[in-house]
Amino acid sequence: MNTLIAILLAAVLQFTETYKSEYENALEFYRQHPEVKQQLIQSGLTDDEATMAMAIVAPELAVHYVFSDWAQTKTLQLIYVQYDHSDFSIGFFQMKPSFIEYLEKRVAVDEVMKKQYGDVVIRATDVIQQRKVRVARLTSLKWQTKYLCLFMQYAKQRKDDFKSPEERVAYWATLYNAGFKVSDQTIAKLRKIKGFPTLRRQFNYSDIALIFYKALKEQEKK
């Protein structure tokens, strides 16, 4: 058996046993919200790319969102609005305000993307008001899906010459988890490191995304 396949199968068994209910809840979430995939496809992604996008954020949906503390999250939102502390994740797909700010800036200077995603650029001139709008959007599934669409567009621009769909998912998932500024060399290293969930560091993020990719593909056949 191929070593990579053997490793992935072991990860599947371990993750689906350790986080059985969370794993199933994430898949059920997508069954209950078909509008997520519809929005991804309407943004210009192929059917398979839309499934990849859903898989890429599924580890966050399964683990972090389920265990997020409402009071703590509200406190962090207030700190961000007032003091620009943006190193925290929020919402269904656990996106950081800094992640959204990066996407906004990219759209602002990309004339092609601006035509399709111009509404992501916040028009308010007051910085605090901008942060309020950004945080409000991050609590919306529709907006988080729009940001996911944008992430996929930029991920494709950055690198899209892969030998298989699995390689594509693994690279893009690592990019999503690590952030836009990481190098290809760092992504290659992170692919071998167990760092998810953040506090427990039991699994490799991209391995879990691949588990969801395969599960979502099977789910779509039914």
N, C-alpha and C. Protein backbone atom coordinates (compact mmCIF):
# COMPACT_ATOMS: atom_id res chain seq x y z
N MET A 1 0.85 -1.20 0.00
CA MET A 1 0.00 0.00 0.00
C MET A 1 0.88 1.25 0.00
N ASN A 2 0.48 2.24 -0.77
CA ASN A 2 1.21 3.51 -0.81
C ASN A 2 1.31 4.09 0.60
N THR A 3 2.51 4.55 0.97
CA THR A 3 2.74 5.06 2.32
C THR A 3 1.83 6.24 2.65
N LEU A 4 1.66 7.17 1.69
CA LEU A 4 0.80 8.33 1.92
C LEU A 4 -0.63 7.91 2.17
N ILE A 5 -1.11 6.93 1.41
CA ILE A 5 -2.49 6.44 1.60
C ILE A 5 -2.64 5.79 2.96
N ALA A 6 -1.62 5.03 3.37
CA ALA A 6 -1.66 4.36 4.67
C ALA A 6 -1.72 5.38 5.81
N ILE A 7 -0.92 6.43 5.69
CA ILE A 7 -0.91 7.49 6.71
C ILE A 7 -2.26 8.18 6.77
N LEU A 8 -2.83 8.46 5.60
CA LEU A 8 -4.11 9.15 5.55
C LEU A 8 -5.22 8.29 6.13
N LEU A 9 -5.19 6.98 5.83
CA LEU A 9 -6.21 6.08 6.37
C LEU A 9 -6.13 6.03 7.90
N ALA A 10 -4.90 6.03 8.42
CA ALA A 10 -4.72 6.03 9.88
C ALA A 10 -5.27 7.31 10.48
N ALA A 11 -5.03 8.44 9.80
CA ALA A 11 -5.53 9.73 10.28
C ALA A 11 -7.05 9.75 10.25
N VAL A 12 -7.65 9.15 9.20
CA VAL A 12 -9.10 9.09 9.09
C VAL A 12 -9.70 8.38 10.30
N LEU A 13 -9.14 7.21 10.59
CA LEU A 13 -9.66 6.42 11.70
C LEU A 13 -9.51 7.15 13.03
N GLN A 14 -8.34 7.76 13.23
CA GLN A 14 -8.08 8.44 14.50
C GLN A 14 -8.98 9.67 14.66
N PHE A 15 -9.08 10.48 13.61
CA PHE A 15 -9.88 11.70 13.71
C PHE A 15 -11.36 11.39 13.85
N THR A 16 -11.86 10.48 13.04
CA THR A 16 -13.30 10.18 13.08
C THR A 16 -13.70 9.46 14.37
N GLU A 17 -12.72 8.87 15.05
CA GLU A 17 -13.02 8.26 16.36
C GLU A 17 -12.92 9.31 17.47
N THR A 18 -11.90 10.16 17.42
CA THR A 18 -11.69 11.17 18.45
C THR A 18 -12.76 12.26 18.40
N TYR A 19 -13.11 12.66 17.19
CA TYR A 19 -14.09 13.73 17.01
C TYR A 19 -15.28 13.23 16.19
N LYS A 20 -15.81 12.09 16.60
CA LYS A 20 -16.87 11.45 15.82
C LYS A 20 -18.08 12.36 15.63
N SER A 21 -18.61 12.90 16.72
CA SER A 21 -19.81 13.73 16.62
C SER A 21 -19.52 15.04 15.89
N GLU A 22 -18.33 15.62 16.12
CA GLU A 22 -17.97 16.87 15.45
C GLU A 22 -17.82 16.65 13.94
N TYR A 23 -17.21 15.53 13.59
CA TYR A 23 -17.04 15.15 12.18
C TYR A 23 -18.40 15.02 11.49
N GLU A 24 -19.29 14.31 12.13
CA GLU A 24 -20.62 14.09 11.56
C GLU A 24 -21.43 15.39 11.53
N ASN A 25 -21.25 16.23 12.56
CA ASN A 25 -21.96 17.51 12.60
C ASN A 25 -21.52 18.42 11.46
N ALA A 26 -20.23 18.39 11.13
CA ALA A 26 -19.73 19.23 10.03
C ALA A 26 -20.35 18.81 8.70
N LEU A 27 -20.41 17.50 8.48
CA LEU A 27 -21.03 17.00 7.25
C LEU A 27 -22.52 17.34 7.22
N GLU A 28 -23.16 17.23 8.37
CA GLU A 28 -24.59 17.57 8.45
C GLU A 28 -24.80 19.06 8.21
N PHE A 29 -23.86 19.88 8.67
CA PHE A 29 -23.95 21.33 8.45
C PHE A 29 -24.05 21.63 6.96
N TYR A 30 -23.21 20.98 6.19
CA TYR A 30 -23.25 21.21 4.74
C TYR A 30 -24.52 20.67 4.10
N ARG A 31 -25.05 19.58 4.66
CA ARG A 31 -26.33 19.08 4.15
C ARG A 31 -27.45 20.08 4.43
N GLN A 32 -27.37 20.74 5.57
CA GLN A 32 -28.39 21.70 5.98
C GLN A 32 -28.21 23.07 5.30
N HIS A 33 -27.02 23.30 4.76
CA HIS A 33 -26.73 24.60 4.13
C HIS A 33 -26.19 24.41 2.71
N PRO A 34 -27.04 23.92 1.80
CA PRO A 34 -26.60 23.74 0.41
C PRO A 34 -26.25 25.06 -0.27
N GLU A 35 -26.70 26.18 0.34
CA GLU A 35 -26.41 27.49 -0.24
C GLU A 35 -24.91 27.81 -0.22
N VAL A 36 -24.16 27.14 0.66
CA VAL A 36 -22.72 27.38 0.71
C VAL A 36 -22.08 26.95 -0.61
N LYS A 37 -22.37 25.74 -1.04
CA LYS A 37 -21.79 25.28 -2.31
C LYS A 37 -22.35 26.07 -3.48
N GLN A 38 -23.62 26.39 -3.44
CA GLN A 38 -24.22 27.18 -4.52
C GLN A 38 -23.52 28.52 -4.67
N GLN A 39 -23.24 29.17 -3.53
CA GLN A 39 -22.56 30.46 -3.58
C GLN A 39 -21.14 30.33 -4.11
N LEU A 40 -20.46 29.26 -3.72
CA LEU A 40 -19.10 29.03 -4.20
C LEU A 40 -19.06 28.84 -5.71
N ILE A 41 -20.02 28.09 -6.23
CA ILE A 41 -20.08 27.86 -7.68
C ILE A 41 -20.47 29.13 -8.42
N GLN A 42 -21.41 29.88 -7.85
CA GLN A 42 -21.82 31.14 -8.47
C GLN A 42 -20.67 32.14 -8.54
N SER A 43 -19.68 31.97 -7.66
CA SER A 43 -18.53 32.88 -7.65
C SER A 43 -17.54 32.54 -8.75
N GLY A 44 -17.76 31.42 -9.43
CA GLY A 44 -16.86 31.06 -10.52
C GLY A 44 -16.05 29.79 -10.31
N LEU A 45 -16.21 29.14 -9.14
CA LEU A 45 -15.50 27.89 -8.90
C LEU A 45 -16.20 26.74 -9.62
N THR A 46 -15.44 25.74 -10.00
CA THR A 46 -16.04 24.53 -10.55
C THR A 46 -16.70 23.76 -9.41
N ASP A 47 -17.48 22.75 -9.76
CA ASP A 47 -18.13 21.92 -8.75
C ASP A 47 -17.11 21.30 -7.81
N ASP A 48 -16.02 20.77 -8.38
CA ASP A 48 -15.00 20.12 -7.55
C ASP A 48 -14.24 21.14 -6.70
N GLU A 49 -13.96 22.31 -7.25
CA GLU A 49 -13.27 23.35 -6.48
C GLU A 49 -14.14 23.81 -5.32
N ALA A 50 -15.45 23.86 -5.53
CA ALA A 50 -16.36 24.25 -4.45
C ALA A 50 -16.30 23.21 -3.32
N THR A 51 -16.26 21.94 -3.69
CA THR A 51 -16.14 20.88 -2.69
C THR A 51 -14.81 20.99 -1.95
N MET A 52 -13.76 21.32 -2.69
CA MET A 52 -12.45 21.51 -2.06
C MET A 52 -12.50 22.65 -1.04
N ALA A 53 -13.14 23.74 -1.42
CA ALA A 53 -13.25 24.89 -0.52
C ALA A 53 -13.96 24.50 0.76
N MET A 54 -15.05 23.76 0.63
CA MET A 54 -15.80 23.31 1.81
C MET A 54 -14.95 22.41 2.68
N ALA A 55 -14.16 21.54 2.04
CA ALA A 55 -13.28 20.64 2.79
C ALA A 55 -12.18 21.40 3.52
N ILE A 56 -11.68 22.44 2.88
CA ILE A 56 -10.57 23.22 3.45
C ILE A 56 -10.97 23.87 4.77
N VAL A 57 -12.22 24.33 4.88
CA VAL A 57 -12.65 24.98 6.12
C VAL A 57 -13.37 24.02 7.06
N ALA A 58 -13.63 22.79 6.61
CA ALA A 58 -14.36 21.83 7.43
C ALA A 58 -13.69 21.48 8.77
N PRO A 59 -12.34 21.38 8.83
CA PRO A 59 -11.74 21.11 10.14
C PRO A 59 -12.09 22.19 11.17
N GLU A 60 -12.10 23.45 10.74
CA GLU A 60 -12.47 24.54 11.64
C GLU A 60 -13.94 24.42 12.03
N LEU A 61 -14.78 24.13 11.05
CA LEU A 61 -16.20 23.99 11.29
C LEU A 61 -16.48 22.87 12.28
N ALA A 62 -15.73 21.78 12.17
CA ALA A 62 -15.95 20.61 13.02
C ALA A 62 -15.48 20.81 14.44
N VAL A 63 -14.29 21.37 14.60
CA VAL A 63 -13.67 21.40 15.93
C VAL A 63 -13.80 22.75 16.63
N HIS A 64 -13.25 23.81 16.04
CA HIS A 64 -13.19 25.08 16.76
C HIS A 64 -14.55 25.74 16.92
N TYR A 65 -15.36 25.74 15.87
CA TYR A 65 -16.63 26.46 15.97
C TYR A 65 -17.54 25.81 17.01
N VAL A 66 -17.51 24.50 17.09
CA VAL A 66 -18.36 23.79 18.04
C VAL A 66 -17.99 24.16 19.47
N PHE A 67 -16.68 24.33 19.71
CA PHE A 67 -16.21 24.57 21.08
C PHE A 67 -15.95 26.05 21.38
N SER A 68 -16.30 26.93 20.45
CA SER A 68 -16.04 28.35 20.69
C SER A 68 -16.85 28.86 21.87
N ASP A 69 -16.24 29.69 22.65
CA ASP A 69 -16.89 30.27 23.83
C ASP A 69 -17.50 31.61 23.45
N TRP A 70 -18.81 31.71 23.59
CA TRP A 70 -19.51 32.90 23.13
C TRP A 70 -19.03 34.15 23.85
N ALA A 71 -18.93 34.09 25.18
CA ALA A 71 -18.53 35.27 25.96
C ALA A 71 -17.11 35.70 25.60
N GLN A 72 -16.21 34.73 25.46
CA GLN A 72 -14.83 35.06 25.11
C GLN A 72 -14.76 35.69 23.72
N THR A 73 -15.53 35.12 22.79
CA THR A 73 -15.53 35.64 21.43
C THR A 73 -16.05 37.07 21.38
N LYS A 74 -17.10 37.36 22.12
CA LYS A 74 -17.65 38.72 22.16
C LYS A 74 -16.63 39.69 22.76
N THR A 75 -15.89 39.25 23.76
CA THR A 75 -14.87 40.10 24.36
C THR A 75 -13.76 40.41 23.36
N LEU A 76 -13.32 39.38 22.63
CA LEU A 76 -12.28 39.58 21.63
C LEU A 76 -12.75 40.50 20.51
N GLN A 77 -14.01 40.40 20.15
CA GLN A 77 -14.56 41.29 19.12
C GLN A 77 -14.48 42.75 19.57
N LEU A 78 -14.84 42.99 20.83
CA LEU A 78 -14.80 44.35 21.37
C LEU A 78 -13.36 44.87 21.42
N ILE A 79 -12.42 44.01 21.81
CA ILE A 79 -11.02 44.41 21.87
C ILE A 79 -10.52 44.76 20.47
N TYR A 80 -10.92 43.97 19.48
CA TYR A 80 -10.51 44.23 18.11
C TYR A 80 -11.04 45.58 17.63
N VAL A 81 -12.31 45.81 17.86
CA VAL A 81 -12.94 47.06 17.39
C VAL A 81 -12.26 48.27 18.01
N GLN A 82 -11.93 48.20 19.28
CA GLN A 82 -11.38 49.35 19.97
C GLN A 82 -9.86 49.47 19.84
N TYR A 83 -9.17 48.32 19.79
CA TYR A 83 -7.71 48.37 19.88
C TYR A 83 -6.97 47.65 18.75
N ASP A 84 -7.70 47.14 17.76
CA ASP A 84 -7.10 46.49 16.59
C ASP A 84 -6.32 45.23 16.95
N HIS A 85 -6.75 44.51 17.97
CA HIS A 85 -6.15 43.20 18.26
C HIS A 85 -6.90 42.18 17.42
N SER A 86 -6.26 41.68 16.35
CA SER A 86 -6.98 40.85 15.39
C SER A 86 -6.50 39.40 15.34
N ASP A 87 -5.73 38.98 16.32
CA ASP A 87 -5.19 37.62 16.31
C ASP A 87 -6.16 36.64 16.99
N PHE A 88 -7.37 36.56 16.48
CA PHE A 88 -8.34 35.60 16.98
C PHE A 88 -9.25 35.21 15.83
N SER A 89 -9.87 34.05 15.95
CA SER A 89 -10.72 33.55 14.88
C SER A 89 -12.18 33.59 15.31
N ILE A 90 -13.04 33.72 14.31
CA ILE A 90 -14.45 33.91 14.61
C ILE A 90 -15.32 33.27 13.54
N GLY A 91 -16.50 32.85 13.94
CA GLY A 91 -17.49 32.40 12.98
C GLY A 91 -17.38 30.95 12.55
N PHE A 92 -18.22 30.58 11.61
CA PHE A 92 -18.34 29.20 11.14
C PHE A 92 -17.02 28.63 10.66
N PHE A 93 -16.27 29.42 9.90
CA PHE A 93 -15.03 28.91 9.30
C PHE A 93 -13.80 29.46 10.01
N GLN A 94 -14.00 30.06 11.18
CA GLN A 94 -12.90 30.53 12.03
C GLN A 94 -11.91 31.41 11.27
N MET A 95 -12.42 32.51 10.74
CA MET A 95 -11.59 33.47 10.02
C MET A 95 -11.14 34.60 10.95
N LYS A 96 -9.93 35.08 10.74
CA LYS A 96 -9.40 36.18 11.53
C LYS A 96 -9.69 37.51 10.84
N PRO A 97 -9.92 38.57 11.61
CA PRO A 97 -10.08 39.90 10.99
C PRO A 97 -8.89 40.26 10.10
N SER A 98 -7.68 39.87 10.49
CA SER A 98 -6.49 40.18 9.69
C SER A 98 -6.54 39.46 8.34
N PHE A 99 -7.11 38.28 8.31
CA PHE A 99 -7.30 37.51 7.09
C PHE A 99 -8.23 38.26 6.14
N ILE A 100 -9.31 38.81 6.71
CA ILE A 100 -10.28 39.56 5.91
C ILE A 100 -9.68 40.87 5.42
N GLU A 101 -8.92 41.54 6.27
CA GLU A 101 -8.28 42.79 5.87
C GLU A 101 -7.34 42.57 4.69
N TYR A 102 -6.62 41.46 4.71
CA TYR A 102 -5.72 41.14 3.60
C TYR A 102 -6.50 40.98 2.30
N LEU A 103 -7.61 40.26 2.36
CA LEU A 103 -8.43 40.05 1.17
C LEU A 103 -9.00 41.37 0.67
N GLU A 104 -9.43 42.23 1.60
CA GLU A 104 -9.96 43.54 1.21
C GLU A 104 -8.91 44.33 0.43
N LYS A 105 -7.70 44.33 0.93
CA LYS A 105 -6.63 45.09 0.30
C LYS A 105 -6.29 44.53 -1.08
N ARG A 106 -6.34 43.20 -1.22
CA ARG A 106 -6.06 42.59 -2.51
C ARG A 106 -7.12 42.98 -3.54
N VAL A 107 -8.38 42.96 -3.12
CA VAL A 107 -9.47 43.33 -4.02
C VAL A 107 -9.34 44.79 -4.43
N ALA A 108 -8.97 45.64 -3.49
CA ALA A 108 -8.88 47.08 -3.75
C ALA A 108 -7.88 47.41 -4.86
N VAL A 109 -6.87 46.57 -5.04
CA VAL A 109 -5.84 46.86 -6.05
C VAL A 109 -5.92 45.93 -7.27
N ASP A 110 -6.90 45.06 -7.29
CA ASP A 110 -7.08 44.13 -8.40
C ASP A 110 -8.34 44.50 -9.16
N GLU A 111 -8.19 45.10 -10.31
CA GLU A 111 -9.33 45.61 -11.07
C GLU A 111 -10.29 44.50 -11.50
N VAL A 112 -9.76 43.34 -11.82
CA VAL A 112 -10.61 42.22 -12.23
C VAL A 112 -11.45 41.73 -11.06
N MET A 113 -10.80 41.51 -9.91
CA MET A 113 -11.52 41.03 -8.72
C MET A 113 -12.48 42.08 -8.19
N LYS A 114 -12.14 43.33 -8.37
CA LYS A 114 -12.98 44.41 -7.87
C LYS A 114 -14.36 44.40 -8.53
N LYS A 115 -14.41 43.97 -9.80
CA LYS A 115 -15.68 43.93 -10.51
C LYS A 115 -16.64 42.92 -9.90
N GLN A 116 -16.09 41.82 -9.39
CA GLN A 116 -16.93 40.77 -8.81
C GLN A 116 -17.07 40.88 -7.30
N TYR A 117 -16.02 41.38 -6.64
CA TYR A 117 -16.02 41.39 -5.18
C TYR A 117 -15.83 42.79 -4.59
N GLY A 118 -16.18 43.80 -5.36
CA GLY A 118 -15.98 45.17 -4.89
C GLY A 118 -16.69 45.48 -3.59
N ASP A 119 -17.78 44.76 -3.30
CA ASP A 119 -18.53 45.06 -2.09
C ASP A 119 -17.82 44.62 -0.82
N VAL A 120 -16.73 43.85 -0.93
CA VAL A 120 -16.01 43.47 0.29
C VAL A 120 -15.17 44.63 0.82
N VAL A 121 -14.88 45.60 -0.03
CA VAL A 121 -14.11 46.77 0.41
C VAL A 121 -15.05 47.67 1.20
N ILE A 122 -14.76 47.83 2.47
CA ILE A 122 -15.63 48.61 3.36
C ILE A 122 -15.49 50.09 3.06
N ARG A 123 -16.62 50.75 2.84
CA ARG A 123 -16.61 52.15 2.43
C ARG A 123 -16.45 53.14 3.57
N ALA A 124 -16.74 52.72 4.79
CA ALA A 124 -16.62 53.63 5.92
C ALA A 124 -15.19 54.14 6.05
N THR A 125 -15.03 55.41 6.34
CA THR A 125 -13.69 56.00 6.47
C THR A 125 -13.17 55.92 7.90
N ASP A 126 -14.07 55.85 8.87
CA ASP A 126 -13.67 55.74 10.27
C ASP A 126 -13.17 54.33 10.55
N VAL A 127 -11.98 54.22 11.12
CA VAL A 127 -11.35 52.92 11.33
C VAL A 127 -12.17 52.03 12.26
N ILE A 128 -12.68 52.59 13.33
CA ILE A 128 -13.47 51.80 14.28
C ILE A 128 -14.75 51.29 13.62
N GLN A 129 -15.37 52.13 12.80
CA GLN A 129 -16.57 51.71 12.09
C GLN A 129 -16.24 50.58 11.11
N GLN A 130 -15.09 50.67 10.48
CA GLN A 130 -14.65 49.61 9.56
C GLN A 130 -14.54 48.29 10.31
N ARG A 131 -13.96 48.33 11.49
CA ARG A 131 -13.79 47.11 12.28
C ARG A 131 -15.14 46.56 12.72
N LYS A 132 -16.07 47.43 13.04
CA LYS A 132 -17.42 46.98 13.43
C LYS A 132 -18.09 46.26 12.28
N VAL A 133 -17.98 46.82 11.09
CA VAL A 133 -18.57 46.19 9.90
C VAL A 133 -17.92 44.84 9.65
N ARG A 134 -16.60 44.80 9.78
CA ARG A 134 -15.84 43.57 9.51
C ARG A 134 -16.26 42.46 10.47
N VAL A 135 -16.38 42.78 11.74
CA VAL A 135 -16.77 41.79 12.75
C VAL A 135 -18.20 41.33 12.51
N ALA A 136 -19.08 42.25 12.17
CA ALA A 136 -20.47 41.88 11.90
C ALA A 136 -20.55 40.92 10.72
N ARG A 137 -19.76 41.17 9.70
CA ARG A 137 -19.74 40.28 8.53
C ARG A 137 -19.24 38.89 8.90
N LEU A 138 -18.28 38.83 9.82
CA LEU A 138 -17.69 37.55 10.17
C LEU A 138 -18.64 36.65 10.97
N THR A 139 -19.76 37.19 11.41
CA THR A 139 -20.77 36.37 12.09
C THR A 139 -21.83 35.88 11.10
N SER A 140 -21.67 36.22 9.83
CA SER A 140 -22.63 35.85 8.79
C SER A 140 -22.09 34.72 7.93
N LEU A 141 -22.85 33.66 7.76
CA LEU A 141 -22.42 32.55 6.92
C LEU A 141 -22.26 33.00 5.48
N LYS A 142 -23.16 33.84 5.00
CA LYS A 142 -23.08 34.32 3.62
C LYS A 142 -21.78 35.08 3.39
N TRP A 143 -21.39 35.94 4.34
CA TRP A 143 -20.17 36.72 4.18
C TRP A 143 -18.93 35.84 4.33
N GLN A 144 -18.96 34.91 5.28
CA GLN A 144 -17.80 34.04 5.42
C GLN A 144 -17.61 33.20 4.16
N THR A 145 -18.72 32.79 3.54
CA THR A 145 -18.62 32.03 2.30
C THR A 145 -18.06 32.91 1.18
N LYS A 146 -18.45 34.17 1.17
CA LYS A 146 -17.91 35.10 0.17
C LYS A 146 -16.40 35.25 0.35
N TYR A 147 -15.95 35.37 1.60
CA TYR A 147 -14.51 35.46 1.86
C TYR A 147 -13.81 34.16 1.47
N LEU A 148 -14.49 33.03 1.67
CA LEU A 148 -13.92 31.75 1.25
C LEU A 148 -13.78 31.71 -0.27
N CYS A 149 -14.78 32.23 -0.98
CA CYS A 149 -14.70 32.34 -2.45
C CYS A 149 -13.45 33.13 -2.84
N LEU A 150 -13.25 34.25 -2.16
CA LEU A 150 -12.10 35.10 -2.46
C LEU A 150 -10.79 34.38 -2.17
N PHE A 151 -10.75 33.69 -1.04
CA PHE A 151 -9.54 32.94 -0.71
C PHE A 151 -9.21 31.95 -1.82
N MET A 152 -10.21 31.26 -2.31
CA MET A 152 -9.99 30.27 -3.36
C MET A 152 -9.46 30.91 -4.64
N GLN A 153 -9.98 32.08 -4.98
CA GLN A 153 -9.51 32.77 -6.18
C GLN A 153 -8.02 33.12 -6.05
N TYR A 154 -7.63 33.61 -4.89
CA TYR A 154 -6.23 33.98 -4.69
C TYR A 154 -5.34 32.76 -4.53
N ALA A 155 -5.88 31.70 -3.94
CA ALA A 155 -5.11 30.46 -3.82
C ALA A 155 -4.81 29.90 -5.20
N LYS A 156 -5.78 29.97 -6.09
CA LYS A 156 -5.59 29.49 -7.47
C LYS A 156 -4.56 30.35 -8.20
N GLN A 157 -4.60 31.65 -7.95
CA GLN A 157 -3.61 32.54 -8.57
C GLN A 157 -2.21 32.22 -8.08
N ARG A 158 -2.10 31.89 -6.82
CA ARG A 158 -0.79 31.64 -6.24
C ARG A 158 -0.17 30.33 -6.75
N LYS A 159 -0.97 29.26 -6.75
CA LYS A 159 -0.43 27.97 -7.22
C LYS A 159 -1.58 27.06 -7.62
N ASP A 160 -1.51 26.58 -8.85
CA ASP A 160 -2.59 25.70 -9.33
C ASP A 160 -2.05 24.62 -10.26
N ASP A 161 -0.76 24.32 -10.15
CA ASP A 161 -0.16 23.29 -11.00
C ASP A 161 0.11 22.03 -10.16
N PHE A 162 -0.94 21.28 -9.89
CA PHE A 162 -0.83 20.11 -9.04
C PHE A 162 -1.05 18.83 -9.84
N LYS A 163 -0.53 17.74 -9.34
CA LYS A 163 -0.64 16.47 -10.05
C LYS A 163 -1.95 15.75 -9.75
N SER A 164 -2.62 16.15 -8.66
CA SER A 164 -3.86 15.48 -8.30
C SER A 164 -4.74 16.42 -7.48
N PRO A 165 -6.03 16.14 -7.40
CA PRO A 165 -6.92 16.95 -6.56
C PRO A 165 -6.49 16.92 -5.09
N GLU A 166 -5.97 15.77 -4.65
CA GLU A 166 -5.54 15.65 -3.26
C GLU A 166 -4.37 16.58 -2.94
N GLU A 167 -3.42 16.69 -3.87
CA GLU A 167 -2.30 17.62 -3.68
C GLU A 167 -2.81 19.06 -3.60
N ARG A 168 -3.78 19.36 -4.42
CA ARG A 168 -4.36 20.71 -4.47
C ARG A 168 -5.04 21.04 -3.13
N VAL A 169 -5.84 20.12 -2.64
CA VAL A 169 -6.53 20.32 -1.35
C VAL A 169 -5.52 20.49 -0.22
N ALA A 170 -4.49 19.64 -0.21
CA ALA A 170 -3.50 19.68 0.87
C ALA A 170 -2.76 21.02 0.88
N TYR A 171 -2.36 21.49 -0.29
CA TYR A 171 -1.63 22.76 -0.37
C TYR A 171 -2.53 23.92 0.04
N TRP A 172 -3.71 24.00 -0.55
CA TRP A 172 -4.60 25.13 -0.26
C TRP A 172 -5.08 25.11 1.19
N ALA A 173 -5.30 23.92 1.74
CA ALA A 173 -5.73 23.83 3.14
C ALA A 173 -4.64 24.33 4.08
N THR A 174 -3.40 23.98 3.77
CA THR A 174 -2.28 24.45 4.59
C THR A 174 -2.13 25.95 4.48
N LEU A 175 -2.32 26.47 3.27
CA LEU A 175 -2.26 27.92 3.06
C LEU A 175 -3.35 28.62 3.86
N TYR A 176 -4.54 28.06 3.86
CA TYR A 176 -5.67 28.64 4.61
C TYR A 176 -5.36 28.65 6.11
N ASN A 177 -4.83 27.55 6.59
CA ASN A 177 -4.56 27.41 8.02
C ASN A 177 -3.37 28.24 8.49
N ALA A 178 -2.36 28.37 7.63
CA ALA A 178 -1.12 29.05 8.03
C ALA A 178 -1.12 30.54 7.71
N GLY A 179 -1.87 30.95 6.68
CA GLY A 179 -1.90 32.36 6.32
C GLY A 179 -1.22 32.64 5.00
N PHE A 180 -1.60 33.75 4.39
CA PHE A 180 -1.15 34.10 3.05
C PHE A 180 0.36 34.30 2.91
N LYS A 181 1.02 34.69 3.98
CA LYS A 181 2.42 35.10 3.87
C LYS A 181 3.42 33.95 3.92
N VAL A 182 2.95 32.74 4.17
CA VAL A 182 3.90 31.62 4.28
C VAL A 182 4.45 31.24 2.91
N SER A 183 5.68 30.81 2.89
CA SER A 183 6.35 30.41 1.64
C SER A 183 5.97 28.97 1.29
N ASP A 184 6.27 28.57 0.05
CA ASP A 184 6.03 27.20 -0.36
C ASP A 184 6.87 26.22 0.47
N GLN A 185 8.07 26.65 0.85
CA GLN A 185 8.93 25.81 1.67
C GLN A 185 8.29 25.57 3.04
N THR A 186 7.70 26.62 3.59
CA THR A 186 7.04 26.49 4.89
C THR A 186 5.81 25.60 4.79
N ILE A 187 5.07 25.76 3.69
CA ILE A 187 3.89 24.91 3.48
C ILE A 187 4.29 23.44 3.43
N ALA A 188 5.38 23.15 2.74
CA ALA A 188 5.87 21.78 2.65
C ALA A 188 6.21 21.23 4.03
N LYS A 189 6.81 22.05 4.89
CA LYS A 189 7.16 21.63 6.25
C LYS A 189 5.91 21.42 7.09
N LEU A 190 4.95 22.35 6.96
CA LEU A 190 3.72 22.27 7.75
C LEU A 190 2.89 21.05 7.38
N ARG A 191 3.04 20.58 6.15
CA ARG A 191 2.30 19.39 5.73
C ARG A 191 2.70 18.16 6.55
N LYS A 192 3.85 18.22 7.22
CA LYS A 192 4.35 17.07 7.97
C LYS A 192 4.18 17.24 9.48
N ILE A 193 3.59 18.36 9.88
CA ILE A 193 3.52 18.68 11.31
C ILE A 193 2.09 18.54 11.84
N LYS A 194 1.97 17.96 13.03
CA LYS A 194 0.67 17.88 13.70
C LYS A 194 0.49 19.15 14.54
N GLY A 195 -0.43 19.99 14.12
CA GLY A 195 -0.64 21.25 14.85
C GLY A 195 -2.10 21.60 15.03
N PHE A 196 -2.99 20.63 14.79
CA PHE A 196 -4.42 20.89 14.84
C PHE A 196 -5.12 19.85 15.71
N PRO A 197 -6.09 20.26 16.55
CA PRO A 197 -6.43 21.64 16.91
C PRO A 197 -5.28 22.33 17.62
N THR A 198 -5.30 23.64 17.66
CA THR A 198 -4.16 24.42 18.13
C THR A 198 -3.68 24.01 19.51
N LEU A 199 -4.59 23.82 20.45
CA LEU A 199 -4.18 23.53 21.83
C LEU A 199 -3.77 22.08 22.02
N ARG A 200 -4.31 21.18 21.23
CA ARG A 200 -4.04 19.76 21.42
C ARG A 200 -3.01 19.19 20.45
N ARG A 201 -2.91 19.77 19.27
CA ARG A 201 -1.91 19.36 18.27
C ARG A 201 -1.91 17.84 18.03
N GLN A 202 -3.08 17.33 17.68
CA GLN A 202 -3.23 15.88 17.47
C GLN A 202 -3.10 15.48 16.00
N PHE A 203 -3.40 16.41 15.08
CA PHE A 203 -3.48 16.05 13.68
C PHE A 203 -2.83 17.11 12.80
N ASN A 204 -2.61 16.72 11.55
CA ASN A 204 -2.17 17.67 10.54
C ASN A 204 -3.41 18.27 9.89
N TYR A 205 -3.47 19.58 9.78
CA TYR A 205 -4.67 20.25 9.28
C TYR A 205 -5.05 19.77 7.88
N SER A 206 -4.07 19.68 6.99
CA SER A 206 -4.38 19.30 5.61
C SER A 206 -4.88 17.85 5.52
N ASP A 207 -4.40 16.98 6.42
CA ASP A 207 -4.89 15.59 6.43
C ASP A 207 -6.38 15.56 6.76
N ILE A 208 -6.79 16.41 7.70
CA ILE A 208 -8.21 16.45 8.07
C ILE A 208 -9.04 17.03 6.93
N ALA A 209 -8.50 18.04 6.25
CA ALA A 209 -9.20 18.60 5.09
C ALA A 209 -9.39 17.53 4.02
N LEU A 210 -8.39 16.69 3.81
CA LEU A 210 -8.49 15.61 2.84
C LEU A 210 -9.54 14.58 3.25
N ILE A 211 -9.63 14.32 4.56
CA ILE A 211 -10.66 13.41 5.06
C ILE A 211 -12.05 13.96 4.69
N PHE A 212 -12.23 15.24 4.90
CA PHE A 212 -13.52 15.85 4.58
C PHE A 212 -13.76 15.92 3.07
N TYR A 213 -12.70 16.14 2.32
CA TYR A 213 -12.86 16.18 0.87
C TYR A 213 -13.41 14.85 0.35
N LYS A 214 -12.82 13.76 0.81
CA LYS A 214 -13.29 12.44 0.40
C LYS A 214 -14.70 12.17 0.89
N ALA A 215 -15.00 12.59 2.12
CA ALA A 215 -16.34 12.37 2.68
C ALA A 215 -17.39 13.18 1.94
N LEU A 216 -17.06 14.42 1.60
CA LEU A 216 -18.00 15.28 0.87
C LEU A 216 -18.24 14.75 -0.54
N LYS A 217 -17.20 14.22 -1.17
CA LYS A 217 -17.37 13.65 -2.51
C LYS A 217 -18.30 12.44 -2.44
N GLU A 218 -18.14 11.63 -1.40
CA GLU A 218 -19.02 10.48 -1.24
C GLU A 218 -20.45 10.92 -0.93
N GLN A 219 -20.56 11.95 -0.11
CA GLN A 219 -21.88 12.47 0.27
C GLN A 219 -22.63 12.98 -0.96
N GLU A 220 -21.90 13.58 -1.89
CA GLU A 220 -22.52 14.14 -3.09
C GLU A 220 -23.03 13.08 -4.04
N LYS A 221 -22.48 11.87 -3.92
CA LYS A 221 -22.90 10.76 -4.80
C LYS A 221 -24.25 10.19 -4.39
N LYS A 222 -24.62 10.42 -3.14
CA LYS A 222 -25.84 9.80 -2.60
C LYS A 222 -27.09 10.55 -3.06
